Each structure stands twice: as C-alpha cells, then as structure tokens.
Amino acid sequence: MAMKDKRKQMRVKVNIPVQIYDVLNNKNFTGRIIDISVGGVSMVTVEELPVNTPVSLTFSIEENVYKRLPADVVREEKKQNEQFLGIAFFDLDAQAQNKLDLTIRKIHSKIKRGLHNENT
C-alpha cells in the first residue's frame, strides 16, 4: 500500500518560513515548510536532523501564529546540501488541531480557485 493511502488529512503546498527548535540539543534554526496537513509538515532545512529527533515548530500561516508545536522527525532525505524532512505533530490540543484544519481548508479552497500564492 502506498504511503499516500495512509494519509487521511488534507495536505496543501505552501512555502513558509519555520523556526525549528531541536529539543535534545537545545538549538534553534530555520527552515521552510513546503507542505502541511493537520498531521504534520514536509520541510527543507540545511541542518541535519535524524529521524526520531523531538522538535518544536513555530510558524505563521494565513495570519495564524503557531508557537512551539510539539513534533518528531519521521523522515529524512538529503538532496545536495539540503535536508528534506517529514515532521509529524504529536499531542496537539484540540484547539490547535481545529485551527490548523480550518487554515488548511481555507488554503485548499484558495488553491482550487487559483487565488493562493505559495509565498504567504
């Protein structure tokens, strides 16, 4: 069964800056979220983050600011000098999940109508 079949959540392409906090090493760095769903994000960064690294993500999307969302690195792929990471949120509270779900649906409907600019 393909990986995509397991994903129940709506996923949208974006291009937004993200602050990544590496919990184990007490380090902050930046990256770009390239797609997002209620379950997590795909992102690009120059830092190497092994699978299972606990992180927290801070980003802003559609005027909503998300601060220090708890997450884990679940996939890592190196391309040239960049890391493509799959990040899964965990223990998001219901309010954060609902807010994220509404935001993603809003972006999805904008994309369908051709109104979404990835660089927002």
N, C-alpha and C. Protein backbone atom coordinates (compact mmCIF):
# COMPACT_ATOMS: atom_id res chain seq x y z
N MET A 1 0.84 -1.19 0.00
CA MET A 1 0.00 0.00 0.00
C MET A 1 0.88 1.25 0.00
N ALA A 2 0.58 2.17 -0.87
CA ALA A 2 1.41 3.37 -0.97
C ALA A 2 1.24 4.25 0.26
N MET A 3 2.28 4.98 0.56
CA MET A 3 2.28 5.87 1.72
C MET A 3 1.09 6.84 1.68
N LYS A 4 0.80 7.37 0.48
CA LYS A 4 -0.26 8.37 0.37
C LYS A 4 -1.62 7.83 0.82
N ASP A 5 -1.84 6.53 0.64
CA ASP A 5 -3.13 5.94 1.01
C ASP A 5 -3.38 6.03 2.51
N LYS A 6 -2.30 6.08 3.28
CA LYS A 6 -2.47 6.13 4.73
C LYS A 6 -2.84 7.52 5.23
N ARG A 7 -2.58 8.52 4.40
CA ARG A 7 -2.82 9.89 4.84
C ARG A 7 -4.28 10.25 4.67
N LYS A 8 -4.93 10.46 5.79
CA LYS A 8 -6.35 10.82 5.74
C LYS A 8 -6.51 12.33 5.61
N GLN A 9 -5.52 13.06 6.13
CA GLN A 9 -5.69 14.51 6.19
C GLN A 9 -5.46 15.18 4.85
N MET A 10 -6.13 16.29 4.68
CA MET A 10 -5.90 17.14 3.53
C MET A 10 -4.50 17.77 3.68
N ARG A 11 -3.75 17.80 2.58
CA ARG A 11 -2.39 18.31 2.60
C ARG A 11 -2.29 19.40 1.54
N VAL A 12 -1.70 20.53 1.88
CA VAL A 12 -1.59 21.62 0.90
C VAL A 12 -0.14 22.07 0.77
N LYS A 13 0.22 22.48 -0.44
CA LYS A 13 1.57 23.00 -0.69
C LYS A 13 1.65 24.45 -0.23
N VAL A 14 2.73 24.77 0.47
CA VAL A 14 2.96 26.13 0.95
C VAL A 14 4.45 26.42 0.79
N ASN A 15 4.84 27.61 1.13
CA ASN A 15 6.25 27.94 1.18
C ASN A 15 6.40 28.99 2.28
N ILE A 16 6.53 28.51 3.52
CA ILE A 16 6.56 29.45 4.64
C ILE A 16 7.76 29.17 5.54
N PRO A 17 8.34 30.24 6.08
CA PRO A 17 9.47 30.06 6.99
C PRO A 17 9.02 29.41 8.29
N VAL A 18 9.91 28.62 8.88
CA VAL A 18 9.59 27.97 10.15
C VAL A 18 10.81 28.05 11.06
N GLN A 19 10.55 28.29 12.34
CA GLN A 19 11.59 28.22 13.37
C GLN A 19 11.53 26.82 13.95
N ILE A 20 12.66 26.13 13.92
CA ILE A 20 12.71 24.76 14.43
C ILE A 20 13.54 24.78 15.70
N TYR A 21 13.00 24.19 16.75
CA TYR A 21 13.75 24.07 18.00
C TYR A 21 14.07 22.60 18.21
N ASP A 22 15.36 22.28 18.23
CA ASP A 22 15.83 20.92 18.47
C ASP A 22 15.90 20.73 19.99
N VAL A 23 14.96 19.96 20.52
CA VAL A 23 14.79 19.83 21.96
C VAL A 23 16.03 19.20 22.62
N LEU A 24 16.56 18.14 22.01
CA LEU A 24 17.68 17.41 22.62
C LEU A 24 18.95 18.25 22.72
N ASN A 25 19.22 19.03 21.67
CA ASN A 25 20.47 19.79 21.62
C ASN A 25 20.29 21.25 21.97
N ASN A 26 19.06 21.61 22.36
CA ASN A 26 18.76 22.98 22.75
C ASN A 26 19.26 23.98 21.69
N LYS A 27 18.90 23.69 20.42
CA LYS A 27 19.34 24.54 19.32
C LYS A 27 18.15 25.04 18.53
N ASN A 28 18.23 26.28 18.08
CA ASN A 28 17.20 26.84 17.19
C ASN A 28 17.78 27.00 15.80
N PHE A 29 17.01 26.68 14.80
CA PHE A 29 17.39 27.02 13.44
C PHE A 29 16.16 27.20 12.59
N THR A 30 16.36 27.53 11.32
CA THR A 30 15.23 27.87 10.48
C THR A 30 15.13 26.91 9.30
N GLY A 31 13.96 26.88 8.72
CA GLY A 31 13.72 26.07 7.54
C GLY A 31 12.53 26.64 6.80
N ARG A 32 12.04 25.87 5.80
CA ARG A 32 10.86 26.27 5.04
C ARG A 32 9.90 25.10 5.01
N ILE A 33 8.66 25.37 5.38
CA ILE A 33 7.62 24.34 5.26
C ILE A 33 7.16 24.33 3.81
N ILE A 34 7.18 23.14 3.18
CA ILE A 34 6.78 23.07 1.77
C ILE A 34 5.41 22.41 1.59
N ASP A 35 4.97 21.65 2.59
CA ASP A 35 3.56 21.26 2.60
C ASP A 35 3.14 20.95 4.02
N ILE A 36 1.83 21.04 4.24
CA ILE A 36 1.33 20.96 5.61
C ILE A 36 -0.01 20.24 5.64
N SER A 37 -0.20 19.46 6.70
CA SER A 37 -1.51 18.86 6.98
C SER A 37 -1.69 18.94 8.49
N VAL A 38 -2.86 18.52 8.97
CA VAL A 38 -3.09 18.54 10.41
C VAL A 38 -2.14 17.57 11.11
N GLY A 39 -1.68 16.55 10.39
CA GLY A 39 -0.79 15.56 10.98
C GLY A 39 0.68 15.95 11.02
N GLY A 40 1.07 16.92 10.20
CA GLY A 40 2.47 17.30 10.20
C GLY A 40 2.84 18.10 8.96
N VAL A 41 4.15 18.23 8.74
CA VAL A 41 4.64 19.05 7.64
C VAL A 41 5.79 18.35 6.93
N SER A 42 6.02 18.77 5.68
CA SER A 42 7.27 18.46 5.00
C SER A 42 8.03 19.76 4.98
N MET A 43 9.34 19.68 5.25
CA MET A 43 10.09 20.92 5.23
C MET A 43 11.51 20.70 4.77
N VAL A 44 12.15 21.81 4.43
CA VAL A 44 13.51 21.82 3.93
C VAL A 44 14.35 22.65 4.88
N THR A 45 15.53 22.14 5.23
CA THR A 45 16.46 22.89 6.07
C THR A 45 17.87 22.46 5.72
N VAL A 46 18.87 23.25 6.12
CA VAL A 46 20.25 22.84 5.86
C VAL A 46 20.80 22.01 7.03
N GLU A 47 20.11 22.04 8.16
CA GLU A 47 20.56 21.29 9.33
C GLU A 47 20.25 19.81 9.16
N GLU A 48 21.09 18.96 9.72
CA GLU A 48 20.79 17.53 9.71
C GLU A 48 20.03 17.19 10.98
N LEU A 49 18.88 16.60 10.80
CA LEU A 49 18.07 16.18 11.95
C LEU A 49 17.72 14.71 11.75
N PRO A 50 18.27 13.82 12.56
CA PRO A 50 17.97 12.41 12.38
C PRO A 50 16.51 12.09 12.70
N VAL A 51 16.04 11.01 12.12
CA VAL A 51 14.69 10.51 12.41
C VAL A 51 14.59 10.28 13.92
N ASN A 52 13.40 10.55 14.45
CA ASN A 52 13.08 10.44 15.88
C ASN A 52 13.57 11.60 16.73
N THR A 53 14.14 12.63 16.12
CA THR A 53 14.52 13.82 16.89
C THR A 53 13.27 14.58 17.30
N PRO A 54 13.07 14.83 18.60
CA PRO A 54 11.95 15.67 19.01
C PRO A 54 12.25 17.14 18.71
N VAL A 55 11.28 17.81 18.11
CA VAL A 55 11.45 19.22 17.76
C VAL A 55 10.17 19.96 18.15
N SER A 56 10.25 21.28 18.15
CA SER A 56 9.01 22.04 18.19
C SER A 56 9.10 23.11 17.11
N LEU A 57 7.95 23.38 16.50
CA LEU A 57 7.90 24.26 15.34
C LEU A 57 7.10 25.52 15.64
N THR A 58 7.63 26.64 15.20
CA THR A 58 6.92 27.91 15.32
C THR A 58 6.82 28.51 13.91
N PHE A 59 5.60 28.81 13.50
CA PHE A 59 5.41 29.37 12.15
C PHE A 59 4.11 30.13 12.12
N SER A 60 3.95 30.91 11.07
CA SER A 60 2.72 31.65 10.93
C SER A 60 2.17 31.41 9.53
N ILE A 61 0.86 31.18 9.46
CA ILE A 61 0.21 30.85 8.19
C ILE A 61 -1.19 31.45 8.19
N GLU A 62 -1.52 32.14 7.11
CA GLU A 62 -2.86 32.77 7.00
C GLU A 62 -3.21 33.59 8.25
N GLU A 63 -2.30 34.41 8.69
CA GLU A 63 -2.47 35.27 9.88
C GLU A 63 -2.58 34.53 11.20
N ASN A 64 -2.43 33.20 11.20
CA ASN A 64 -2.41 32.45 12.46
C ASN A 64 -0.97 32.14 12.83
N VAL A 65 -0.64 32.38 14.09
CA VAL A 65 0.71 32.06 14.57
C VAL A 65 0.63 30.79 15.41
N TYR A 66 1.48 29.84 15.09
CA TYR A 66 1.57 28.60 15.87
C TYR A 66 2.92 28.62 16.56
N LYS A 67 2.90 28.48 17.89
CA LYS A 67 4.14 28.58 18.66
C LYS A 67 4.50 27.24 19.27
N ARG A 68 5.71 26.80 18.96
CA ARG A 68 6.30 25.62 19.59
C ARG A 68 5.38 24.40 19.57
N LEU A 69 4.88 24.06 18.38
CA LEU A 69 4.07 22.85 18.26
C LEU A 69 4.99 21.64 18.42
N PRO A 70 4.64 20.71 19.32
CA PRO A 70 5.50 19.54 19.53
C PRO A 70 5.42 18.58 18.34
N ALA A 71 6.58 18.07 17.93
CA ALA A 71 6.62 17.22 16.74
C ALA A 71 7.85 16.31 16.79
N ASP A 72 7.87 15.33 15.90
CA ASP A 72 9.00 14.41 15.76
C ASP A 72 9.41 14.33 14.30
N VAL A 73 10.71 14.17 14.06
CA VAL A 73 11.18 13.91 12.70
C VAL A 73 10.87 12.44 12.38
N VAL A 74 10.11 12.22 11.31
CA VAL A 74 9.75 10.85 10.94
C VAL A 74 10.38 10.42 9.62
N ARG A 75 10.92 11.36 8.87
CA ARG A 75 11.54 11.04 7.59
C ARG A 75 12.65 12.04 7.31
N GLU A 76 13.75 11.56 6.75
CA GLU A 76 14.85 12.46 6.43
C GLU A 76 15.45 12.03 5.11
N GLU A 77 15.63 12.99 4.22
CA GLU A 77 16.21 12.69 2.91
C GLU A 77 17.15 13.82 2.53
N LYS A 78 18.37 13.47 2.19
CA LYS A 78 19.36 14.50 1.84
C LYS A 78 19.37 14.70 0.33
N LYS A 79 19.29 15.95 -0.10
CA LYS A 79 19.44 16.30 -1.52
C LYS A 79 20.40 17.46 -1.61
N GLN A 80 21.50 17.27 -2.34
CA GLN A 80 22.57 18.27 -2.37
C GLN A 80 22.91 18.68 -0.94
N ASN A 81 22.80 19.97 -0.63
CA ASN A 81 23.17 20.40 0.73
C ASN A 81 21.95 20.67 1.59
N GLU A 82 20.80 20.15 1.17
CA GLU A 82 19.58 20.39 1.95
C GLU A 82 19.01 19.09 2.48
N GLN A 83 18.32 19.20 3.60
CA GLN A 83 17.61 18.07 4.18
C GLN A 83 16.12 18.25 3.92
N PHE A 84 15.48 17.22 3.40
CA PHE A 84 14.03 17.23 3.26
C PHE A 84 13.49 16.38 4.40
N LEU A 85 12.73 17.00 5.27
CA LEU A 85 12.28 16.32 6.48
C LEU A 85 10.78 16.13 6.50
N GLY A 86 10.35 14.97 6.97
CA GLY A 86 8.95 14.74 7.26
C GLY A 86 8.80 14.88 8.77
N ILE A 87 7.90 15.74 9.19
CA ILE A 87 7.71 16.03 10.61
C ILE A 87 6.27 15.72 10.99
N ALA A 88 6.10 14.90 12.03
CA ALA A 88 4.74 14.57 12.49
C ALA A 88 4.47 15.29 13.80
N PHE A 89 3.34 16.00 13.85
CA PHE A 89 2.94 16.63 15.11
C PHE A 89 2.51 15.54 16.08
N PHE A 90 2.71 15.78 17.37
CA PHE A 90 2.11 14.89 18.35
C PHE A 90 1.55 15.70 19.50
N ASP A 91 0.53 15.15 20.12
CA ASP A 91 -0.10 15.80 21.28
C ASP A 91 -0.58 17.22 21.01
N LEU A 92 -1.02 17.49 19.77
CA LEU A 92 -1.61 18.81 19.52
C LEU A 92 -2.93 18.86 20.25
N ASP A 93 -3.21 19.96 20.93
CA ASP A 93 -4.51 20.04 21.59
C ASP A 93 -5.60 20.27 20.56
N ALA A 94 -6.82 19.99 20.96
CA ALA A 94 -7.96 20.06 20.03
C ALA A 94 -8.08 21.43 19.39
N GLN A 95 -7.82 22.48 20.16
CA GLN A 95 -7.94 23.84 19.63
C GLN A 95 -6.93 24.08 18.51
N ALA A 96 -5.68 23.66 18.72
CA ALA A 96 -4.65 23.85 17.69
C ALA A 96 -4.98 23.02 16.46
N GLN A 97 -5.46 21.78 16.67
CA GLN A 97 -5.83 20.92 15.55
C GLN A 97 -6.95 21.53 14.72
N ASN A 98 -7.97 22.02 15.40
CA ASN A 98 -9.11 22.63 14.69
C ASN A 98 -8.69 23.86 13.91
N LYS A 99 -7.87 24.70 14.56
CA LYS A 99 -7.41 25.93 13.92
C LYS A 99 -6.60 25.59 12.67
N LEU A 100 -5.72 24.59 12.80
CA LEU A 100 -4.88 24.18 11.68
C LEU A 100 -5.74 23.60 10.56
N ASP A 101 -6.70 22.78 10.93
CA ASP A 101 -7.59 22.15 9.94
C ASP A 101 -8.34 23.24 9.14
N LEU A 102 -8.88 24.23 9.84
CA LEU A 102 -9.60 25.32 9.16
C LEU A 102 -8.67 26.10 8.23
N THR A 103 -7.45 26.37 8.70
CA THR A 103 -6.47 27.09 7.89
C THR A 103 -6.15 26.33 6.62
N ILE A 104 -5.92 25.02 6.75
CA ILE A 104 -5.57 24.18 5.60
C ILE A 104 -6.73 24.14 4.60
N ARG A 105 -7.96 24.03 5.11
CA ARG A 105 -9.12 24.02 4.22
C ARG A 105 -9.25 25.34 3.47
N LYS A 106 -8.96 26.43 4.17
CA LYS A 106 -9.02 27.76 3.57
C LYS A 106 -8.01 27.87 2.41
N ILE A 107 -6.77 27.41 2.67
CA ILE A 107 -5.74 27.45 1.63
C ILE A 107 -6.14 26.54 0.47
N HIS A 108 -6.67 25.36 0.78
CA HIS A 108 -7.07 24.41 -0.25
C HIS A 108 -8.13 25.02 -1.17
N SER A 109 -9.10 25.71 -0.59
CA SER A 109 -10.14 26.30 -1.44
C SER A 109 -9.57 27.46 -2.27
N LYS A 110 -8.61 28.18 -1.72
CA LYS A 110 -7.95 29.25 -2.49
C LYS A 110 -7.17 28.66 -3.66
N ILE A 111 -6.48 27.56 -3.41
CA ILE A 111 -5.71 26.90 -4.48
C ILE A 111 -6.65 26.47 -5.59
N LYS A 112 -7.78 25.88 -5.20
CA LYS A 112 -8.75 25.41 -6.20
C LYS A 112 -9.29 26.56 -7.04
N ARG A 113 -9.41 27.73 -6.42
CA ARG A 113 -9.93 28.89 -7.16
C ARG A 113 -8.80 29.69 -7.81
N GLY A 114 -7.55 29.22 -7.64
CA GLY A 114 -6.40 29.89 -8.26
C GLY A 114 -6.01 31.19 -7.57
N LEU A 115 -6.38 31.31 -6.29
CA LEU A 115 -6.11 32.58 -5.59
C LEU A 115 -4.94 32.48 -4.63
N HIS A 116 -4.39 31.27 -4.46
CA HIS A 116 -3.35 31.10 -3.44
C HIS A 116 -1.97 31.35 -3.99
N ASN A 117 -1.23 32.20 -3.28
CA ASN A 117 0.17 32.42 -3.59
C ASN A 117 0.97 31.63 -2.55
N GLU A 118 1.83 30.72 -2.99
CA GLU A 118 2.57 29.86 -2.04
C GLU A 118 3.44 30.64 -1.08
N ASN A 119 3.78 31.88 -1.41
CA ASN A 119 4.71 32.61 -0.56
C ASN A 119 4.01 33.47 0.49
N THR A 120 2.89 32.99 1.01
CA THR A 120 2.22 33.79 2.06
C THR A 120 2.53 33.21 3.41
